[in-house]
Amino acid sequence: MREAIEQFQPALALHGHIHEARGTKRLGRTLCVNPGSSYEQGQLLGAIIDIDGGKQVKKFMLTSG
């Protein structure tokens, strides 16, 4: 996955259903987002992402509820 992101540099890479802590990271021009999981606490975790014309991520926010 990392090699494809580094090669093609999409604006956004969304990752889910992996048992890792939530977080974000940039790989070159790509914003990688993992909203995380919190099944034990019954929490719904997510992300709100604002994309400018499909070319760049303008802003993002990790959410919980």
PDB file of N, CA and C in Angstrom:
ATOM      1  N   MET A   1       0.823  -1.161   0.000  1.00  0.00           N
ATOM      2  CA  MET A   1       0.000   0.000   0.000  1.00  0.00           C
ATOM      3  C   MET A   1       0.890   1.256   0.000  1.00  0.00           C
ATOM      4  N   ARG A   2       1.877   1.259   0.875  1.00  0.00           N
ATOM      5  CA  ARG A   2       2.752   2.435   0.954  1.00  0.00           C
ATOM      6  C   ARG A   2       3.439   2.719  -0.375  1.00  0.00           C
ATOM      7  N   GLU A   3       3.919   1.676  -1.045  1.00  0.00           N
ATOM      8  CA  GLU A   3       4.594   1.865  -2.329  1.00  0.00           C
ATOM      9  C   GLU A   3       3.656   2.493  -3.358  1.00  0.00           C
ATOM     10  N   ALA A   4       2.404   2.050  -3.393  1.00  0.00           N
ATOM     11  CA  ALA A   4       1.427   2.620  -4.336  1.00  0.00           C
ATOM     12  C   ALA A   4       1.158   4.087  -4.011  1.00  0.00           C
ATOM     13  N   ILE A   5       1.016   4.409  -2.734  1.00  0.00           N
ATOM     14  CA  ILE A   5       0.783   5.804  -2.329  1.00  0.00           C
ATOM     15  C   ILE A   5       1.972   6.667  -2.733  1.00  0.00           C
ATOM     16  N   GLU A   6       3.170   6.193  -2.443  1.00  0.00           N
ATOM     17  CA  GLU A   6       4.367   6.962  -2.795  1.00  0.00           C
ATOM     18  C   GLU A   6       4.517   7.131  -4.302  1.00  0.00           C
ATOM     19  N   GLN A   7       4.138   6.120  -5.070  1.00  0.00           N
ATOM     20  CA  GLN A   7       4.276   6.199  -6.524  1.00  0.00           C
ATOM     21  C   GLN A   7       3.216   7.106  -7.155  1.00  0.00           C
ATOM     22  N   PHE A   8       1.954   6.948  -6.768  1.00  0.00           N
ATOM     23  CA  PHE A   8       0.870   7.663  -7.446  1.00  0.00           C
ATOM     24  C   PHE A   8       0.446   8.964  -6.762  1.00  0.00           C
ATOM     25  N   GLN A   9       0.791   9.151  -5.493  1.00  0.00           N
ATOM     26  CA  GLN A   9       0.532  10.380  -4.748  1.00  0.00           C
ATOM     27  C   GLN A   9      -0.918  10.876  -4.851  1.00  0.00           C
ATOM     28  N   PRO A  10      -1.909  10.033  -4.487  1.00  0.00           N
ATOM     29  CA  PRO A  10      -3.286  10.534  -4.477  1.00  0.00           C
ATOM     30  C   PRO A  10      -3.438  11.593  -3.402  1.00  0.00           C
ATOM     31  N   ALA A  11      -4.475  12.399  -3.496  1.00  0.00           N
ATOM     32  CA  ALA A  11      -4.702  13.450  -2.493  1.00  0.00           C
ATOM     33  C   ALA A  11      -5.010  12.840  -1.134  1.00  0.00           C
ATOM     34  N   LEU A  12      -5.685  11.682  -1.119  1.00  0.00           N
ATOM     35  CA  LEU A  12      -6.178  11.107   0.129  1.00  0.00           C
ATOM     36  C   LEU A  12      -6.106   9.595   0.091  1.00  0.00           C
ATOM     37  N   ALA A  13      -5.711   8.998   1.210  1.00  0.00           N
ATOM     38  CA  ALA A  13      -5.745   7.548   1.382  1.00  0.00           C
ATOM     39  C   ALA A  13      -6.480   7.266   2.690  1.00  0.00           C
ATOM     40  N   LEU A  14      -7.620   6.578   2.593  1.00  0.00           N
ATOM     41  CA  LEU A  14      -8.417   6.244   3.773  1.00  0.00           C
ATOM     42  C   LEU A  14      -8.158   4.795   4.158  1.00  0.00           C
ATOM     43  N   HIS A  15      -7.907   4.574   5.430  1.00  0.00           N
ATOM     44  CA  HIS A  15      -7.600   3.240   5.922  1.00  0.00           C
ATOM     45  C   HIS A  15      -8.532   2.936   7.078  1.00  0.00           C
ATOM     46  N   GLY A  16      -9.074   1.746   7.083  1.00  0.00           N
ATOM     47  CA  GLY A  16      -9.973   1.354   8.156  1.00  0.00           C
ATOM     48  C   GLY A  16      -9.861  -0.123   8.412  1.00  0.00           C
ATOM     49  N   HIS A  17     -10.516  -0.550   9.465  1.00  0.00           N
ATOM     50  CA  HIS A  17     -10.551  -1.940   9.882  1.00  0.00           C
ATOM     51  C   HIS A  17      -9.154  -2.507  10.090  1.00  0.00           C
ATOM     52  N   ILE A  18      -8.268  -1.661  10.568  1.00  0.00           N
ATOM     53  CA  ILE A  18      -6.966  -2.156  11.006  1.00  0.00           C
ATOM     54  C   ILE A  18      -6.878  -1.860  12.491  1.00  0.00           C
ATOM     55  N   HIS A  19      -6.253  -2.718  13.206  1.00  0.00           N
ATOM     56  CA  HIS A  19      -6.239  -2.593  14.662  1.00  0.00           C
ATOM     57  C   HIS A  19      -5.036  -1.771  15.109  1.00  0.00           C
ATOM     58  N   GLU A  20      -5.094  -0.522  14.750  1.00  0.00           N
ATOM     59  CA  GLU A  20      -4.053   0.443  15.080  1.00  0.00           C
ATOM     60  C   GLU A  20      -4.733   1.648  15.705  1.00  0.00           C
ATOM     61  N   ALA A  21      -3.959   2.459  16.361  1.00  0.00           N
ATOM     62  CA  ALA A  21      -4.498   3.691  16.920  1.00  0.00           C
ATOM     63  C   ALA A  21      -4.890   4.638  15.794  1.00  0.00           C
ATOM     64  N   ARG A  22      -5.857   5.495  16.053  1.00  0.00           N
ATOM     65  CA  ARG A  22      -6.274   6.466  15.051  1.00  0.00           C
ATOM     66  C   ARG A  22      -5.164   7.471  14.830  1.00  0.00           C
ATOM     67  N   GLY A  23      -5.180   8.072  13.655  1.00  0.00           N
ATOM     68  CA  GLY A  23      -4.185   9.085  13.382  1.00  0.00           C
ATOM     69  C   GLY A  23      -4.139   9.466  11.916  1.00  0.00           C
ATOM     70  N   THR A  24      -3.297  10.436  11.645  1.00  0.00           N
ATOM     71  CA  THR A  24      -3.083  10.904  10.281  1.00  0.00           C
ATOM     72  C   THR A  24      -1.591  11.041  10.039  1.00  0.00           C
ATOM     73  N   LYS A  25      -1.217  10.936   8.782  1.00  0.00           N
ATOM     74  CA  LYS A  25       0.187  11.100   8.400  1.00  0.00           C
ATOM     75  C   LYS A  25       0.232  11.514   6.943  1.00  0.00           C
ATOM     76  N   ARG A  26       1.198  12.308   6.598  1.00  0.00           N
ATOM     77  CA  ARG A  26       1.401  12.682   5.196  1.00  0.00           C
ATOM     78  C   ARG A  26       2.558  11.869   4.629  1.00  0.00           C
ATOM     79  N   LEU A  27       2.300  11.325   3.434  1.00  0.00           N
ATOM     80  CA  LEU A  27       3.358  10.679   2.656  1.00  0.00           C
ATOM     81  C   LEU A  27       3.442  11.484   1.371  1.00  0.00           C
ATOM     82  N   GLY A  28       4.399  12.385   1.306  1.00  0.00           N
ATOM     83  CA  GLY A  28       4.474  13.292   0.167  1.00  0.00           C
ATOM     84  C   GLY A  28       3.244  14.189   0.144  1.00  0.00           C
ATOM     85  N   ARG A  29       2.516  14.194  -0.978  1.00  0.00           N
ATOM     86  CA  ARG A  29       1.300  15.016  -1.102  1.00  0.00           C
ATOM     87  C   ARG A  29       0.058  14.314  -0.569  1.00  0.00           C
ATOM     88  N   THR A  30       0.181  13.063  -0.161  1.00  0.00           N
ATOM     89  CA  THR A  30      -0.971  12.263   0.248  1.00  0.00           C
ATOM     90  C   THR A  30      -1.227  12.363   1.746  1.00  0.00           C
ATOM     91  N   LEU A  31      -2.483  12.671   2.100  1.00  0.00           N
ATOM     92  CA  LEU A  31      -2.901  12.615   3.494  1.00  0.00           C
ATOM     93  C   LEU A  31      -3.466  11.223   3.737  1.00  0.00           C
ATOM     94  N   CYS A  32      -2.883  10.493   4.686  1.00  0.00           N
ATOM     95  CA  CYS A  32      -3.358   9.158   5.057  1.00  0.00           C
ATOM     96  C   CYS A  32      -4.139   9.291   6.360  1.00  0.00           C
ATOM     97  N   VAL A  33      -5.352   8.735   6.389  1.00  0.00           N
ATOM     98  CA  VAL A  33      -6.221   8.859   7.558  1.00  0.00           C
ATOM     99  C   VAL A  33      -6.666   7.474   8.007  1.00  0.00           C
ATOM    100  N   ASN A  34      -6.483   7.196   9.291  1.00  0.00           N
ATOM    101  CA  ASN A  34      -7.032   6.008   9.937  1.00  0.00           C
ATOM    102  C   ASN A  34      -7.894   6.511  11.088  1.00  0.00           C
ATOM    103  N   PRO A  35      -9.224   6.443  10.962  1.00  0.00           N
ATOM    104  CA  PRO A  35     -10.079   6.935  12.040  1.00  0.00           C
ATOM    105  C   PRO A  35      -9.957   6.113  13.316  1.00  0.00           C
ATOM    106  N   GLY A  36      -9.371   4.920  13.240  1.00  0.00           N
ATOM    107  CA  GLY A  36      -9.186   4.078  14.416  1.00  0.00           C
ATOM    108  C   GLY A  36     -10.401   3.217  14.679  1.00  0.00           C
ATOM    109  N   SER A  37     -10.340   2.480  15.766  1.00  0.00           N
ATOM    110  CA  SER A  37     -11.484   1.670  16.166  1.00  0.00           C
ATOM    111  C   SER A  37     -11.577   1.691  17.683  1.00  0.00           C
ATOM    112  N   SER A  38     -12.783   1.648  18.169  1.00  0.00           N
ATOM    113  CA  SER A  38     -13.009   1.663  19.607  1.00  0.00           C
ATOM    114  C   SER A  38     -14.223   0.799  19.919  1.00  0.00           C
ATOM    115  N   TYR A  39     -14.183  -0.437  19.438  1.00  0.00           N
ATOM    116  CA  TYR A  39     -15.324  -1.336  19.590  1.00  0.00           C
ATOM    117  C   TYR A  39     -15.624  -1.616  21.064  1.00  0.00           C
ATOM    118  N   GLU A  40     -14.592  -1.750  21.877  1.00  0.00           N
ATOM    119  CA  GLU A  40     -14.764  -2.096  23.286  1.00  0.00           C
ATOM    120  C   GLU A  40     -15.586  -1.044  24.030  1.00  0.00           C
ATOM    121  N   GLN A  41     -15.391   0.225  23.684  1.00  0.00           N
ATOM    122  CA  GLN A  41     -16.095   1.322  24.350  1.00  0.00           C
ATOM    123  C   GLN A  41     -17.410   1.671  23.658  1.00  0.00           C
ATOM    124  N   GLY A  42     -17.730   1.036  22.548  1.00  0.00           N
ATOM    125  CA  GLY A  42     -18.960   1.339  21.832  1.00  0.00           C
ATOM    126  C   GLY A  42     -18.951   2.710  21.194  1.00  0.00           C
ATOM    127  N   GLN A  43     -17.783   3.213  20.858  1.00  0.00           N
ATOM    128  CA  GLN A  43     -17.639   4.537  20.257  1.00  0.00           C
ATOM    129  C   GLN A  43     -17.529   4.431  18.749  1.00  0.00           C
ATOM    130  N   LEU A  44     -18.203   5.336  18.048  1.00  0.00           N
ATOM    131  CA  LEU A  44     -18.082   5.419  16.603  1.00  0.00           C
ATOM    132  C   LEU A  44     -17.037   6.482  16.279  1.00  0.00           C
ATOM    133  N   LEU A  45     -15.954   6.083  15.649  1.00  0.00           N
ATOM    134  CA  LEU A  45     -14.884   7.009  15.281  1.00  0.00           C
ATOM    135  C   LEU A  45     -14.925   7.223  13.781  1.00  0.00           C
ATOM    136  N   GLY A  46     -14.610   8.409  13.335  1.00  0.00           N
ATOM    137  CA  GLY A  46     -14.646   8.707  11.911  1.00  0.00           C
ATOM    138  C   GLY A  46     -13.803   9.909  11.575  1.00  0.00           C
ATOM    139  N   ALA A  47     -13.989  10.408  10.365  1.00  0.00           N
ATOM    140  CA  ALA A  47     -13.254  11.588   9.897  1.00  0.00           C
ATOM    141  C   ALA A  47     -14.147  12.374   8.950  1.00  0.00           C
ATOM    142  N   ILE A  48     -14.077  13.684   9.061  1.00  0.00           N
ATOM    143  CA  ILE A  48     -14.730  14.583   8.110  1.00  0.00           C
ATOM    144  C   ILE A  48     -13.623  15.223   7.303  1.00  0.00           C
ATOM    145  N   ILE A  49     -13.727  15.109   5.981  1.00  0.00           N
ATOM    146  CA  ILE A  49     -12.648  15.576   5.113  1.00  0.00           C
ATOM    147  C   ILE A  49     -13.218  16.487   4.046  1.00  0.00           C
ATOM    148  N   ASP A  50     -12.645  17.676   3.907  1.00  0.00           N
ATOM    149  CA  ASP A  50     -13.054  18.664   2.910  1.00  0.00           C
ATOM    150  C   ASP A  50     -12.028  18.647   1.777  1.00  0.00           C
ATOM    151  N   ILE A  51     -12.496  18.250   0.578  1.00  0.00           N
ATOM    152  CA  ILE A  51     -11.601  18.127  -0.579  1.00  0.00           C
ATOM    153  C   ILE A  51     -11.912  19.243  -1.566  1.00  0.00           C
ATOM    154  N   ASP A  52     -10.879  19.928  -2.020  1.00  0.00           N
ATOM    155  CA  ASP A  52     -10.992  21.052  -2.940  1.00  0.00           C
ATOM    156  C   ASP A  52     -10.965  20.554  -4.379  1.00  0.00           C
ATOM    157  N   GLY A  53     -12.135  20.413  -4.995  1.00  0.00           N
ATOM    158  CA  GLY A  53     -12.201  20.027  -6.402  1.00  0.00           C
ATOM    159  C   GLY A  53     -11.593  18.674  -6.704  1.00  0.00           C
ATOM    160  N   GLY A  54     -11.475  17.809  -5.696  1.00  0.00           N
ATOM    161  CA  GLY A  54     -10.926  16.480  -5.916  1.00  0.00           C
ATOM    162  C   GLY A  54      -9.427  16.436  -6.063  1.00  0.00           C
ATOM    163  N   LYS A  55      -8.756  17.570  -5.871  1.00  0.00           N
ATOM    164  CA  LYS A  55      -7.310  17.599  -6.101  1.00  0.00           C
ATOM    165  C   LYS A  55      -6.498  17.677  -4.825  1.00  0.00           C
ATOM    166  N   GLN A  56      -7.021  18.372  -3.797  1.00  0.00           N
ATOM    167  CA  GLN A  56      -6.281  18.547  -2.555  1.00  0.00           C
ATOM    168  C   GLN A  56      -7.222  18.489  -1.370  1.00  0.00           C
ATOM    169  N   VAL A  57      -6.703  17.998  -0.254  1.00  0.00           N
ATOM    170  CA  VAL A  57      -7.456  18.023   0.991  1.00  0.00           C
ATOM    171  C   VAL A  57      -7.287  19.423   1.585  1.00  0.00           C
ATOM    172  N   LYS A  58      -8.406  20.132   1.740  1.00  0.00           N
ATOM    173  CA  LYS A  58      -8.360  21.476   2.311  1.00  0.00           C
ATOM    174  C   LYS A  58      -8.225  21.421   3.817  1.00  0.00           C
ATOM    175  N   LYS A  59      -9.073  20.587   4.460  1.00  0.00           N
ATOM    176  CA  LYS A  59      -9.001  20.443   5.912  1.00  0.00           C
ATOM    177  C   LYS A  59      -9.645  19.119   6.288  1.00  0.00           C
ATOM    178  N   PHE A  60      -9.352  18.662   7.501  1.00  0.00           N
ATOM    179  CA  PHE A  60      -9.938  17.413   7.978  1.00  0.00           C
ATOM    180  C   PHE A  60     -10.075  17.476   9.490  1.00  0.00           C
ATOM    181  N   MET A  61     -10.967  16.624  10.013  1.00  0.00           N
ATOM    182  CA  MET A  61     -11.177  16.563  11.449  1.00  0.00           C
ATOM    183  C   MET A  61     -11.540  15.127  11.816  1.00  0.00           C
ATOM    184  N   LEU A  62     -10.852  14.583  12.808  1.00  0.00           N
ATOM    185  CA  LEU A  62     -11.211  13.270  13.322  1.00  0.00           C
ATOM    186  C   LEU A  62     -12.380  13.455  14.278  1.00  0.00           C
ATOM    187  N   THR A  63     -13.362  12.555  14.216  1.00  0.00           N
ATOM    188  CA  THR A  63     -14.571  12.686  15.020  1.00  0.00           C
ATOM    189  C   THR A  63     -14.777  11.461  15.905  1.00  0.00           C
ATOM    190  N   SER A  64     -15.590  11.612  16.929  1.00  0.00           N
ATOM    191  CA  SER A  64     -16.000  10.486  17.766  1.00  0.00           C
ATOM    192  C   SER A  64     -17.391  10.769  18.291  1.00  0.00           C
ATOM    193  N   GLY A  65     -18.121   9.715  18.557  1.00  0.00           N
ATOM    194  CA  GLY A  65     -19.472   9.911  19.053  1.00  0.00           C
ATOM    195  C   GLY A  65     -20.046   8.655  19.621  1.00  0.00           C
TER     196      GLY A  65
END
